[in-house]
Amino acid sequence: FKEFLTQFNKLSEACFLDCITDFTTRKVTNTEETCAFNCLEKFLKVTQRISQRFQEHQILQAGGGSVPDSMVKK
């Protein structure tokens, strides 16, 4: 759970610093909202891809020979 909170805080800070630019109002602008959504989506896709590659590497290291076609992204 601690790792999850650490990752969540890092992601929140990174997206906040990249996306939130207008501190003159309490409202989140459409541009800021879109940026934050894209930031989160990109993080999730990259995390999923890294996990997939890690699984492929583990299979190869375990002597599985080849990675199943179902794991290879085309």
N, C-alpha and C. Protein backbone atom coordinates (compact mmCIF):
# COMPACT_ATOMS: atom_id res chain seq x y z
N PHE A 1 0.83 -1.20 0.00
CA PHE A 1 0.00 0.00 0.00
C PHE A 1 0.87 1.26 0.00
N LYS A 2 1.99 1.19 0.71
CA LYS A 2 2.89 2.34 0.76
C LYS A 2 3.44 2.67 -0.63
N GLU A 3 3.79 1.62 -1.39
CA GLU A 3 4.30 1.84 -2.75
C GLU A 3 3.25 2.50 -3.63
N PHE A 4 1.98 2.06 -3.48
CA PHE A 4 0.89 2.66 -4.25
C PHE A 4 0.78 4.15 -3.95
N LEU A 5 0.81 4.50 -2.67
CA LEU A 5 0.69 5.92 -2.30
C LEU A 5 1.88 6.73 -2.81
N THR A 6 3.05 6.15 -2.77
CA THR A 6 4.24 6.83 -3.29
C THR A 6 4.09 7.10 -4.78
N GLN A 7 3.68 6.07 -5.54
CA GLN A 7 3.48 6.24 -6.98
C GLN A 7 2.38 7.25 -7.27
N PHE A 8 1.29 7.17 -6.52
CA PHE A 8 0.18 8.11 -6.71
C PHE A 8 0.64 9.54 -6.48
N ASN A 9 1.40 9.76 -5.42
CA ASN A 9 1.89 11.11 -5.12
C ASN A 9 2.84 11.61 -6.19
N LYS A 10 3.73 10.75 -6.67
CA LYS A 10 4.66 11.15 -7.75
C LYS A 10 3.90 11.51 -9.01
N LEU A 11 2.91 10.68 -9.37
CA LEU A 11 2.12 10.94 -10.56
C LEU A 11 1.33 12.24 -10.42
N SER A 12 0.70 12.41 -9.27
CA SER A 12 -0.08 13.63 -9.03
C SER A 12 0.79 14.87 -9.15
N GLU A 13 1.97 14.82 -8.55
CA GLU A 13 2.87 15.97 -8.60
C GLU A 13 3.35 16.24 -10.02
N ALA A 14 3.73 15.18 -10.73
CA ALA A 14 4.23 15.36 -12.10
C ALA A 14 3.16 15.96 -13.00
N CYS A 15 1.96 15.42 -12.95
CA CYS A 15 0.88 15.93 -13.80
C CYS A 15 0.47 17.34 -13.38
N PHE A 16 0.45 17.60 -12.08
CA PHE A 16 0.11 18.94 -11.59
C PHE A 16 1.12 19.96 -12.11
N LEU A 17 2.39 19.65 -11.95
CA LEU A 17 3.43 20.59 -12.39
C LEU A 17 3.40 20.82 -13.90
N ASP A 18 3.07 19.78 -14.65
CA ASP A 18 3.02 19.90 -16.11
C ASP A 18 1.76 20.60 -16.61
N CYS A 19 0.65 20.44 -15.90
CA CYS A 19 -0.64 20.83 -16.47
C CYS A 19 -1.31 22.05 -15.84
N ILE A 20 -1.13 22.27 -14.58
CA ILE A 20 -1.85 23.35 -13.91
C ILE A 20 -1.01 24.61 -13.98
N THR A 21 -1.58 25.62 -14.66
CA THR A 21 -0.81 26.83 -14.92
C THR A 21 -1.49 28.11 -14.44
N ASP A 22 -2.80 28.06 -14.24
CA ASP A 22 -3.54 29.27 -13.89
C ASP A 22 -3.97 29.20 -12.43
N PHE A 23 -3.31 29.98 -11.60
CA PHE A 23 -3.63 30.00 -10.17
C PHE A 23 -4.46 31.22 -9.79
N THR A 24 -5.00 31.91 -10.80
CA THR A 24 -5.82 33.09 -10.52
C THR A 24 -7.28 32.74 -10.29
N THR A 25 -7.64 31.48 -10.52
CA THR A 25 -9.02 31.06 -10.32
C THR A 25 -9.04 29.68 -9.67
N ARG A 26 -10.14 29.37 -9.02
CA ARG A 26 -10.28 28.06 -8.38
C ARG A 26 -10.71 26.99 -9.39
N LYS A 27 -11.21 27.44 -10.53
CA LYS A 27 -11.70 26.50 -11.54
C LYS A 27 -10.55 25.91 -12.35
N VAL A 28 -10.72 24.65 -12.71
CA VAL A 28 -9.75 23.98 -13.59
C VAL A 28 -10.19 24.26 -15.02
N THR A 29 -9.28 24.78 -15.83
CA THR A 29 -9.63 25.09 -17.22
C THR A 29 -9.74 23.80 -18.03
N ASN A 30 -10.39 23.91 -19.17
CA ASN A 30 -10.51 22.75 -20.06
C ASN A 30 -9.14 22.26 -20.51
N THR A 31 -8.24 23.18 -20.78
CA THR A 31 -6.88 22.82 -21.20
C THR A 31 -6.17 22.05 -20.09
N GLU A 32 -6.28 22.53 -18.86
CA GLU A 32 -5.65 21.86 -17.73
C GLU A 32 -6.25 20.47 -17.50
N GLU A 33 -7.56 20.38 -17.60
CA GLU A 33 -8.23 19.10 -17.41
C GLU A 33 -7.81 18.08 -18.47
N THR A 34 -7.76 18.52 -19.72
CA THR A 34 -7.34 17.65 -20.81
C THR A 34 -5.90 17.21 -20.62
N CYS A 35 -5.05 18.13 -20.25
CA CYS A 35 -3.64 17.82 -20.01
C CYS A 35 -3.49 16.78 -18.90
N ALA A 36 -4.20 16.98 -17.79
CA ALA A 36 -4.12 16.05 -16.66
C ALA A 36 -4.62 14.66 -17.06
N PHE A 37 -5.71 14.62 -17.83
CA PHE A 37 -6.23 13.33 -18.30
C PHE A 37 -5.21 12.62 -19.18
N ASN A 38 -4.62 13.35 -20.12
CA ASN A 38 -3.62 12.77 -21.02
C ASN A 38 -2.38 12.32 -20.25
N CYS A 39 -1.99 13.07 -19.26
CA CYS A 39 -0.84 12.72 -18.44
C CYS A 39 -1.09 11.39 -17.72
N LEU A 40 -2.25 11.26 -17.11
CA LEU A 40 -2.60 10.03 -16.41
C LEU A 40 -2.69 8.85 -17.37
N GLU A 41 -3.34 9.07 -18.51
CA GLU A 41 -3.50 8.00 -19.49
C GLU A 41 -2.13 7.52 -20.00
N LYS A 42 -1.24 8.45 -20.26
CA LYS A 42 0.09 8.09 -20.74
C LYS A 42 0.85 7.30 -19.68
N PHE A 43 0.76 7.73 -18.44
CA PHE A 43 1.41 7.01 -17.36
C PHE A 43 0.91 5.58 -17.26
N LEU A 44 -0.41 5.40 -17.33
CA LEU A 44 -0.99 4.06 -17.23
C LEU A 44 -0.57 3.18 -18.40
N LYS A 45 -0.54 3.74 -19.60
CA LYS A 45 -0.12 2.96 -20.77
C LYS A 45 1.35 2.56 -20.68
N VAL A 46 2.19 3.47 -20.24
CA VAL A 46 3.61 3.18 -20.10
C VAL A 46 3.82 2.12 -19.02
N THR A 47 3.12 2.24 -17.90
CA THR A 47 3.22 1.27 -16.83
C THR A 47 2.79 -0.11 -17.30
N GLN A 48 1.71 -0.17 -18.07
CA GLN A 48 1.23 -1.45 -18.61
C GLN A 48 2.26 -2.04 -19.56
N ARG A 49 2.85 -1.22 -20.39
CA ARG A 49 3.85 -1.70 -21.36
C ARG A 49 5.11 -2.20 -20.66
N ILE A 50 5.54 -1.49 -19.64
CA ILE A 50 6.71 -1.93 -18.87
C ILE A 50 6.43 -3.27 -18.20
N SER A 51 5.25 -3.41 -17.63
CA SER A 51 4.88 -4.68 -16.99
C SER A 51 4.88 -5.82 -17.99
N GLN A 52 4.37 -5.55 -19.18
CA GLN A 52 4.34 -6.58 -20.23
C GLN A 52 5.76 -6.98 -20.62
N ARG A 53 6.63 -6.01 -20.82
CA ARG A 53 8.01 -6.30 -21.19
C ARG A 53 8.72 -7.07 -20.07
N PHE A 54 8.43 -6.71 -18.83
CA PHE A 54 9.04 -7.41 -17.70
C PHE A 54 8.61 -8.88 -17.70
N GLN A 55 7.34 -9.14 -17.96
CA GLN A 55 6.85 -10.52 -18.03
C GLN A 55 7.54 -11.28 -19.15
N GLU A 56 7.69 -10.65 -20.30
CA GLU A 56 8.37 -11.28 -21.43
C GLU A 56 9.81 -11.62 -21.06
N HIS A 57 10.47 -10.70 -20.40
CA HIS A 57 11.86 -10.92 -19.98
C HIS A 57 11.94 -12.08 -18.99
N GLN A 58 11.01 -12.14 -18.06
CA GLN A 58 11.01 -13.21 -17.06
C GLN A 58 10.82 -14.57 -17.72
N ILE A 59 9.96 -14.64 -18.72
CA ILE A 59 9.72 -15.90 -19.43
C ILE A 59 11.00 -16.34 -20.13
N LEU A 60 11.67 -15.40 -20.79
CA LEU A 60 12.91 -15.73 -21.49
C LEU A 60 14.01 -16.14 -20.51
N GLN A 61 14.10 -15.47 -19.39
CA GLN A 61 15.11 -15.80 -18.39
C GLN A 61 14.86 -17.15 -17.73
N ALA A 62 13.60 -17.54 -17.64
CA ALA A 62 13.24 -18.81 -17.01
C ALA A 62 13.50 -19.98 -17.95
N GLY A 63 13.94 -19.68 -19.14
CA GLY A 63 14.24 -20.75 -20.10
C GLY A 63 13.04 -21.16 -20.91
N GLY A 64 12.06 -20.30 -20.95
CA GLY A 64 10.85 -20.59 -21.72
C GLY A 64 11.08 -20.53 -23.21
N GLY A 65 12.24 -20.07 -23.60
CA GLY A 65 12.57 -20.04 -25.02
C GLY A 65 11.99 -18.85 -25.73
N SER A 66 10.72 -18.90 -26.02
CA SER A 66 10.10 -17.79 -26.76
C SER A 66 8.90 -17.27 -26.00
N VAL A 67 8.58 -16.05 -26.30
CA VAL A 67 7.44 -15.39 -25.69
C VAL A 67 6.19 -15.75 -26.48
N PRO A 68 5.10 -16.13 -25.80
CA PRO A 68 3.87 -16.45 -26.52
C PRO A 68 3.39 -15.29 -27.38
N ASP A 69 2.84 -15.61 -28.55
CA ASP A 69 2.35 -14.56 -29.45
C ASP A 69 1.31 -13.67 -28.79
N SER A 70 0.55 -14.21 -27.86
CA SER A 70 -0.50 -13.43 -27.21
C SER A 70 0.08 -12.30 -26.37
N MET A 71 1.36 -12.39 -26.00
CA MET A 71 1.99 -11.34 -25.19
C MET A 71 2.70 -10.30 -26.03
N VAL A 72 2.90 -10.57 -27.29
CA VAL A 72 3.63 -9.65 -28.15
C VAL A 72 2.66 -8.66 -28.74
N LYS A 73 2.90 -7.38 -28.47
CA LYS A 73 2.04 -6.31 -28.99
C LYS A 73 2.43 -6.01 -30.43
N LYS A 74 1.44 -5.93 -31.27
CA LYS A 74 1.69 -5.67 -32.69
C LYS A 74 1.28 -4.30 -33.07
